[in-house]
Every structure is written in structure tokens, then in C-alpha cells.
Amino acid sequence: MIDTNDIGVIEHRLKQASQKLHQLAPQLGVAKQVKSYDGDRRKNLLAKYTVKFLKDGESATAAETHARADETYKLELGKLAGDLQDAETTIAMYDAEYCSWESARSLLSFAKTTIGNLGG
């Protein structure tokens, strides 16, 4: 049976989830931008290292192969991968918190309807 204590607990959960969503909103914006531009960022990084070998007289294919083998390129590519992983984690955290918010909202609505039906 649902009582007013249950409603208080659900309202508290709803407020907590709402606050967390507001806190995550700026990070979510950055995360979505990182995710959206990840392909371009990787292409630009490869181009940066490919140009170095093109200037040394390598063919385009050879320059790209040398660029991909460059240790500094690999380190920077790893950093980009870490940025993407962080972005995906932030997006997943936001989605999970949004799910909690939706669940609490739904439970609160159900509880209030149930109590209203019992009282009326």
C-alpha cells in the first residue's frame, strides 16, 4: 500500500535526480561535441603527421603509413580515444540519471493517483 511516506521518498529521489541532471548538463554538452567531432579530430591528427612525411618526399600512401606508425601520433590518438571514452561515460551517466528521474516521476504520478483514488 502506498502512503504519504512513500510519496516523500519518491519526491526526494525525483529532486535528487533533477539536481544531478542540472549538474551534468554542461558536461553533457561538451561530451556530445567531443563525440560528434571525434572522426574529424582523428582525421586532422592523421593529416598533421602525414604532412610531415609528405614534406620529406614520401608518397601519400607511404606518408600515411609512416604517420600511423609514428609513436607521437599513437600517443595523441590514444588521448583522443580517452577523450571519447570520457564523453561516452558522461553521456551514459546522464542517460542513467535521466532514467532515474523518469522512473521517480512515473512512480510519483502513480502514487498520487492511487492515493487520490483511495480517498475519493
N, C-alpha and C. Protein backbone atom coordinates (compact mmCIF):
# COMPACT_ATOMS: atom_id res chain seq x y z
N MET A 1 0.84 -1.17 0.00
CA MET A 1 0.00 0.00 0.00
C MET A 1 0.89 1.24 0.00
N ILE A 2 0.53 2.21 -0.76
CA ILE A 2 1.29 3.45 -0.87
C ILE A 2 0.75 4.44 0.15
N ASP A 3 1.69 5.10 0.86
CA ASP A 3 1.26 6.12 1.81
C ASP A 3 2.06 7.40 1.57
N THR A 4 1.81 8.40 2.39
CA THR A 4 2.47 9.69 2.20
C THR A 4 3.97 9.60 2.42
N ASN A 5 4.44 8.67 3.24
CA ASN A 5 5.90 8.48 3.42
C ASN A 5 6.55 8.04 2.12
N ASP A 6 5.87 7.13 1.42
CA ASP A 6 6.39 6.67 0.12
C ASP A 6 6.47 7.83 -0.87
N ILE A 7 5.45 8.67 -0.87
CA ILE A 7 5.45 9.82 -1.76
C ILE A 7 6.61 10.75 -1.43
N GLY A 8 6.88 10.95 -0.15
CA GLY A 8 8.01 11.79 0.26
C GLY A 8 9.34 11.24 -0.23
N VAL A 9 9.51 9.94 -0.11
CA VAL A 9 10.74 9.29 -0.57
C VAL A 9 10.88 9.44 -2.08
N ILE A 10 9.79 9.22 -2.80
CA ILE A 10 9.83 9.33 -4.26
C ILE A 10 10.11 10.76 -4.69
N GLU A 11 9.48 11.73 -4.02
CA GLU A 11 9.73 13.14 -4.34
C GLU A 11 11.19 13.49 -4.10
N HIS A 12 11.76 12.96 -3.03
CA HIS A 12 13.17 13.20 -2.73
C HIS A 12 14.06 12.63 -3.85
N ARG A 13 13.76 11.42 -4.29
CA ARG A 13 14.52 10.82 -5.39
C ARG A 13 14.39 11.64 -6.67
N LEU A 14 13.19 12.15 -6.94
CA LEU A 14 12.96 12.97 -8.12
C LEU A 14 13.78 14.26 -8.05
N LYS A 15 13.81 14.88 -6.90
CA LYS A 15 14.58 16.12 -6.72
C LYS A 15 16.08 15.86 -6.87
N GLN A 16 16.55 14.77 -6.29
CA GLN A 16 17.98 14.42 -6.41
C GLN A 16 18.36 14.19 -7.87
N ALA A 17 17.54 13.44 -8.58
CA ALA A 17 17.82 13.16 -9.99
C ALA A 17 17.79 14.45 -10.80
N SER A 18 16.84 15.32 -10.49
CA SER A 18 16.74 16.59 -11.20
C SER A 18 17.98 17.45 -10.98
N GLN A 19 18.45 17.51 -9.75
CA GLN A 19 19.67 18.28 -9.44
C GLN A 19 20.88 17.70 -10.16
N LYS A 20 20.98 16.38 -10.18
CA LYS A 20 22.11 15.73 -10.85
C LYS A 20 22.07 16.00 -12.36
N LEU A 21 20.87 15.99 -12.94
CA LEU A 21 20.76 16.29 -14.37
C LEU A 21 21.22 17.71 -14.66
N HIS A 22 20.85 18.64 -13.81
CA HIS A 22 21.29 20.03 -14.00
C HIS A 22 22.80 20.15 -13.86
N GLN A 23 23.38 19.40 -12.94
CA GLN A 23 24.84 19.43 -12.76
C GLN A 23 25.56 18.84 -13.96
N LEU A 24 24.99 17.80 -14.55
CA LEU A 24 25.63 17.11 -15.68
C LEU A 24 25.42 17.83 -17.01
N ALA A 25 24.47 18.74 -17.09
CA ALA A 25 24.12 19.38 -18.37
C ALA A 25 25.31 20.01 -19.08
N PRO A 26 26.15 20.82 -18.41
CA PRO A 26 27.29 21.40 -19.13
C PRO A 26 28.27 20.33 -19.63
N GLN A 27 28.51 19.32 -18.79
CA GLN A 27 29.41 18.23 -19.20
C GLN A 27 28.81 17.45 -20.37
N LEU A 28 27.49 17.31 -20.36
CA LEU A 28 26.83 16.60 -21.45
C LEU A 28 27.03 17.33 -22.77
N GLY A 29 26.94 18.65 -22.74
CA GLY A 29 27.15 19.43 -23.95
C GLY A 29 28.54 19.23 -24.53
N VAL A 30 29.53 19.26 -23.66
CA VAL A 30 30.92 19.04 -24.10
C VAL A 30 31.07 17.62 -24.63
N ALA A 31 30.50 16.66 -23.91
CA ALA A 31 30.62 15.25 -24.30
C ALA A 31 29.99 15.01 -25.68
N LYS A 32 28.85 15.60 -25.92
CA LYS A 32 28.20 15.42 -27.23
C LYS A 32 29.03 16.05 -28.34
N GLN A 33 29.67 17.17 -28.04
CA GLN A 33 30.52 17.81 -29.05
C GLN A 33 31.75 16.95 -29.33
N VAL A 34 32.38 16.42 -28.29
CA VAL A 34 33.54 15.55 -28.47
C VAL A 34 33.16 14.34 -29.31
N LYS A 35 32.03 13.74 -28.97
CA LYS A 35 31.58 12.56 -29.72
C LYS A 35 31.26 12.91 -31.17
N SER A 36 30.61 14.02 -31.38
CA SER A 36 30.21 14.43 -32.72
C SER A 36 31.42 14.70 -33.63
N TYR A 37 32.46 15.29 -33.06
CA TYR A 37 33.62 15.68 -33.87
C TYR A 37 34.78 14.69 -33.76
N ASP A 38 34.56 13.54 -33.17
CA ASP A 38 35.65 12.59 -32.97
C ASP A 38 36.29 12.18 -34.30
N GLY A 39 35.49 11.87 -35.30
CA GLY A 39 36.02 11.46 -36.60
C GLY A 39 36.88 12.55 -37.22
N ASP A 40 36.39 13.79 -37.16
CA ASP A 40 37.17 14.91 -37.72
C ASP A 40 38.46 15.11 -36.95
N ARG A 41 38.40 14.96 -35.64
CA ARG A 41 39.60 15.15 -34.82
C ARG A 41 40.66 14.11 -35.17
N ARG A 42 40.22 12.86 -35.37
CA ARG A 42 41.18 11.80 -35.73
C ARG A 42 41.76 12.03 -37.12
N LYS A 43 40.91 12.45 -38.06
CA LYS A 43 41.39 12.73 -39.42
C LYS A 43 42.39 13.88 -39.43
N ASN A 44 42.09 14.92 -38.66
CA ASN A 44 43.01 16.06 -38.58
C ASN A 44 44.35 15.67 -37.96
N LEU A 45 44.29 14.82 -36.96
CA LEU A 45 45.53 14.35 -36.33
C LEU A 45 46.37 13.55 -37.34
N LEU A 46 45.73 12.66 -38.08
CA LEU A 46 46.46 11.88 -39.08
C LEU A 46 47.04 12.80 -40.15
N ALA A 47 46.26 13.78 -40.57
CA ALA A 47 46.74 14.72 -41.59
C ALA A 47 47.97 15.48 -41.09
N LYS A 48 47.94 15.88 -39.84
CA LYS A 48 49.07 16.61 -39.25
C LYS A 48 50.36 15.79 -39.37
N TYR A 49 50.31 14.51 -39.09
CA TYR A 49 51.51 13.68 -39.16
C TYR A 49 51.83 13.25 -40.58
N THR A 50 50.80 13.09 -41.41
CA THR A 50 51.04 12.72 -42.81
C THR A 50 51.79 13.82 -43.54
N VAL A 51 51.41 15.07 -43.28
CA VAL A 51 52.06 16.22 -43.94
C VAL A 51 53.55 16.23 -43.64
N LYS A 52 53.91 15.87 -42.43
CA LYS A 52 55.32 15.84 -42.04
C LYS A 52 56.12 14.92 -42.97
N PHE A 53 55.55 13.76 -43.30
CA PHE A 53 56.25 12.82 -44.17
C PHE A 53 56.14 13.19 -45.64
N LEU A 54 55.06 13.84 -46.01
CA LEU A 54 54.93 14.33 -47.39
C LEU A 54 56.02 15.36 -47.68
N LYS A 55 56.30 16.20 -46.70
CA LYS A 55 57.35 17.22 -46.87
C LYS A 55 58.72 16.58 -47.01
N ASP A 56 58.86 15.37 -46.49
CA ASP A 56 60.13 14.65 -46.63
C ASP A 56 60.22 13.92 -47.97
N GLY A 57 59.20 14.07 -48.82
CA GLY A 57 59.25 13.49 -50.16
C GLY A 57 58.59 12.13 -50.29
N GLU A 58 57.92 11.66 -49.27
CA GLU A 58 57.24 10.35 -49.35
C GLU A 58 55.98 10.48 -50.21
N SER A 59 55.56 9.36 -50.78
CA SER A 59 54.28 9.35 -51.50
C SER A 59 53.16 9.46 -50.45
N ALA A 60 51.96 9.76 -50.91
CA ALA A 60 50.83 9.93 -49.99
C ALA A 60 50.57 8.65 -49.19
N THR A 61 50.62 7.52 -49.86
CA THR A 61 50.39 6.24 -49.18
C THR A 61 51.48 5.94 -48.17
N ALA A 62 52.72 6.16 -48.57
CA ALA A 62 53.84 5.92 -47.66
C ALA A 62 53.80 6.90 -46.49
N ALA A 63 53.47 8.15 -46.77
CA ALA A 63 53.42 9.17 -45.72
C ALA A 63 52.37 8.80 -44.69
N GLU A 64 51.21 8.32 -45.15
CA GLU A 64 50.16 7.92 -44.20
C GLU A 64 50.60 6.72 -43.37
N THR A 65 51.24 5.78 -44.01
CA THR A 65 51.72 4.60 -43.29
C THR A 65 52.75 4.99 -42.23
N HIS A 66 53.69 5.86 -42.59
CA HIS A 66 54.69 6.33 -41.62
C HIS A 66 54.03 7.13 -40.50
N ALA A 67 53.03 7.93 -40.86
CA ALA A 67 52.33 8.74 -39.85
C ALA A 67 51.64 7.84 -38.83
N ARG A 68 50.99 6.79 -39.31
CA ARG A 68 50.28 5.87 -38.41
C ARG A 68 51.25 5.10 -37.51
N ALA A 69 52.47 4.93 -37.98
CA ALA A 69 53.48 4.21 -37.19
C ALA A 69 54.22 5.12 -36.22
N ASP A 70 54.06 6.42 -36.37
CA ASP A 70 54.76 7.40 -35.52
C ASP A 70 54.28 7.27 -34.07
N GLU A 71 55.22 7.16 -33.15
CA GLU A 71 54.88 6.96 -31.73
C GLU A 71 54.13 8.16 -31.15
N THR A 72 54.50 9.36 -31.55
CA THR A 72 53.82 10.54 -31.04
C THR A 72 52.38 10.57 -31.54
N TYR A 73 52.19 10.18 -32.79
CA TYR A 73 50.82 10.09 -33.34
C TYR A 73 50.01 9.11 -32.51
N LYS A 74 50.58 7.96 -32.21
CA LYS A 74 49.88 6.95 -31.43
C LYS A 74 49.50 7.48 -30.04
N LEU A 75 50.39 8.22 -29.43
CA LEU A 75 50.10 8.80 -28.12
C LEU A 75 48.95 9.80 -28.20
N GLU A 76 49.00 10.67 -29.21
CA GLU A 76 47.93 11.67 -29.38
C GLU A 76 46.61 10.99 -29.74
N LEU A 77 46.68 9.94 -30.54
CA LEU A 77 45.48 9.19 -30.89
C LEU A 77 44.89 8.54 -29.64
N GLY A 78 45.75 8.05 -28.78
CA GLY A 78 45.30 7.47 -27.51
C GLY A 78 44.60 8.51 -26.64
N LYS A 79 45.11 9.74 -26.65
CA LYS A 79 44.46 10.81 -25.89
C LYS A 79 43.08 11.09 -26.46
N LEU A 80 42.96 11.12 -27.78
CA LEU A 80 41.65 11.32 -28.40
C LEU A 80 40.69 10.19 -28.03
N ALA A 81 41.21 8.97 -27.99
CA ALA A 81 40.38 7.83 -27.59
C ALA A 81 39.93 7.97 -26.15
N GLY A 82 40.82 8.47 -25.30
CA GLY A 82 40.45 8.71 -23.90
C GLY A 82 39.39 9.80 -23.78
N ASP A 83 39.52 10.84 -24.60
CA ASP A 83 38.51 11.90 -24.61
C ASP A 83 37.15 11.35 -25.02
N LEU A 84 37.15 10.49 -26.02
CA LEU A 84 35.89 9.90 -26.48
C LEU A 84 35.30 8.99 -25.40
N GLN A 85 36.16 8.23 -24.74
CA GLN A 85 35.68 7.35 -23.67
C GLN A 85 35.06 8.18 -22.53
N ASP A 86 35.72 9.27 -22.17
CA ASP A 86 35.17 10.16 -21.14
C ASP A 86 33.82 10.73 -21.58
N ALA A 87 33.73 11.10 -22.84
CA ALA A 87 32.48 11.64 -23.37
C ALA A 87 31.37 10.59 -23.31
N GLU A 88 31.68 9.38 -23.72
CA GLU A 88 30.69 8.30 -23.68
C GLU A 88 30.26 8.01 -22.25
N THR A 89 31.20 8.07 -21.32
CA THR A 89 30.88 7.84 -19.90
C THR A 89 29.94 8.92 -19.39
N THR A 90 30.21 10.17 -19.73
CA THR A 90 29.35 11.27 -19.31
C THR A 90 27.95 11.12 -19.89
N ILE A 91 27.87 10.78 -21.15
CA ILE A 91 26.57 10.58 -21.80
C ILE A 91 25.81 9.44 -21.13
N ALA A 92 26.50 8.36 -20.82
CA ALA A 92 25.87 7.22 -20.15
C ALA A 92 25.40 7.60 -18.74
N MET A 93 26.20 8.38 -18.03
CA MET A 93 25.80 8.84 -16.69
C MET A 93 24.54 9.70 -16.78
N TYR A 94 24.51 10.60 -17.75
CA TYR A 94 23.33 11.45 -17.92
C TYR A 94 22.10 10.60 -18.26
N ASP A 95 22.27 9.66 -19.17
CA ASP A 95 21.15 8.80 -19.56
C ASP A 95 20.63 7.99 -18.38
N ALA A 96 21.54 7.47 -17.56
CA ALA A 96 21.14 6.69 -16.39
C ALA A 96 20.40 7.58 -15.39
N GLU A 97 20.90 8.78 -15.18
CA GLU A 97 20.24 9.71 -14.26
C GLU A 97 18.88 10.12 -14.79
N TYR A 98 18.79 10.31 -16.10
CA TYR A 98 17.50 10.66 -16.72
C TYR A 98 16.51 9.52 -16.53
N CYS A 99 16.98 8.30 -16.64
CA CYS A 99 16.13 7.13 -16.42
C CYS A 99 15.63 7.12 -14.98
N SER A 100 16.50 7.45 -14.03
CA SER A 100 16.09 7.53 -12.62
C SER A 100 15.04 8.62 -12.43
N TRP A 101 15.25 9.76 -13.07
CA TRP A 101 14.30 10.86 -12.98
C TRP A 101 12.94 10.45 -13.54
N GLU A 102 12.96 9.83 -14.72
CA GLU A 102 11.71 9.38 -15.35
C GLU A 102 10.99 8.34 -14.48
N SER A 103 11.75 7.43 -13.89
CA SER A 103 11.16 6.41 -13.03
C SER A 103 10.51 7.04 -11.81
N ALA A 104 11.22 7.96 -11.18
CA ALA A 104 10.67 8.64 -10.00
C ALA A 104 9.44 9.46 -10.37
N ARG A 105 9.49 10.13 -11.50
CA ARG A 105 8.35 10.92 -11.96
C ARG A 105 7.14 10.03 -12.17
N SER A 106 7.36 8.89 -12.81
CA SER A 106 6.28 7.96 -13.08
C SER A 106 5.72 7.37 -11.78
N LEU A 107 6.61 6.96 -10.87
CA LEU A 107 6.17 6.42 -9.58
C LEU A 107 5.38 7.45 -8.78
N LEU A 108 5.84 8.69 -8.81
CA LEU A 108 5.16 9.75 -8.07
C LEU A 108 3.76 9.97 -8.64
N SER A 109 3.66 9.99 -9.94
CA SER A 109 2.36 10.15 -10.58
C SER A 109 1.44 9.00 -10.22
N PHE A 110 1.96 7.79 -10.28
CA PHE A 110 1.17 6.60 -9.94
C PHE A 110 0.72 6.64 -8.48
N ALA A 111 1.64 7.00 -7.59
CA ALA A 111 1.33 7.04 -6.16
C ALA A 111 0.25 8.07 -5.87
N LYS A 112 0.39 9.25 -6.45
CA LYS A 112 -0.61 10.30 -6.22
C LYS A 112 -1.97 9.90 -6.78
N THR A 113 -2.00 9.26 -7.92
CA THR A 113 -3.25 8.79 -8.49
C THR A 113 -3.89 7.73 -7.61
N THR A 114 -3.06 6.82 -7.12
CA THR A 114 -3.55 5.75 -6.25
C THR A 114 -4.15 6.32 -4.97
N ILE A 115 -3.45 7.26 -4.34
CA ILE A 115 -3.95 7.86 -3.12
C ILE A 115 -5.22 8.66 -3.40
N GLY A 116 -5.26 9.35 -4.54
CA GLY A 116 -6.45 10.10 -4.92
C GLY A 116 -7.66 9.18 -5.12
N ASN A 117 -7.42 8.02 -5.72
CA ASN A 117 -8.50 7.06 -5.94
C ASN A 117 -9.00 6.46 -4.63
N LEU A 118 -8.10 6.24 -3.70
CA LEU A 118 -8.48 5.67 -2.41
C LEU A 118 -9.27 6.68 -1.57
N GLY A 119 -8.90 7.93 -1.72
CA GLY A 119 -9.56 8.98 -0.91
C GLY A 119 -10.88 9.42 -1.49
N GLY A 120 -11.11 9.20 -2.76
CA GLY A 120 -12.28 9.79 -3.40
C GLY A 120 -13.30 8.80 -3.72
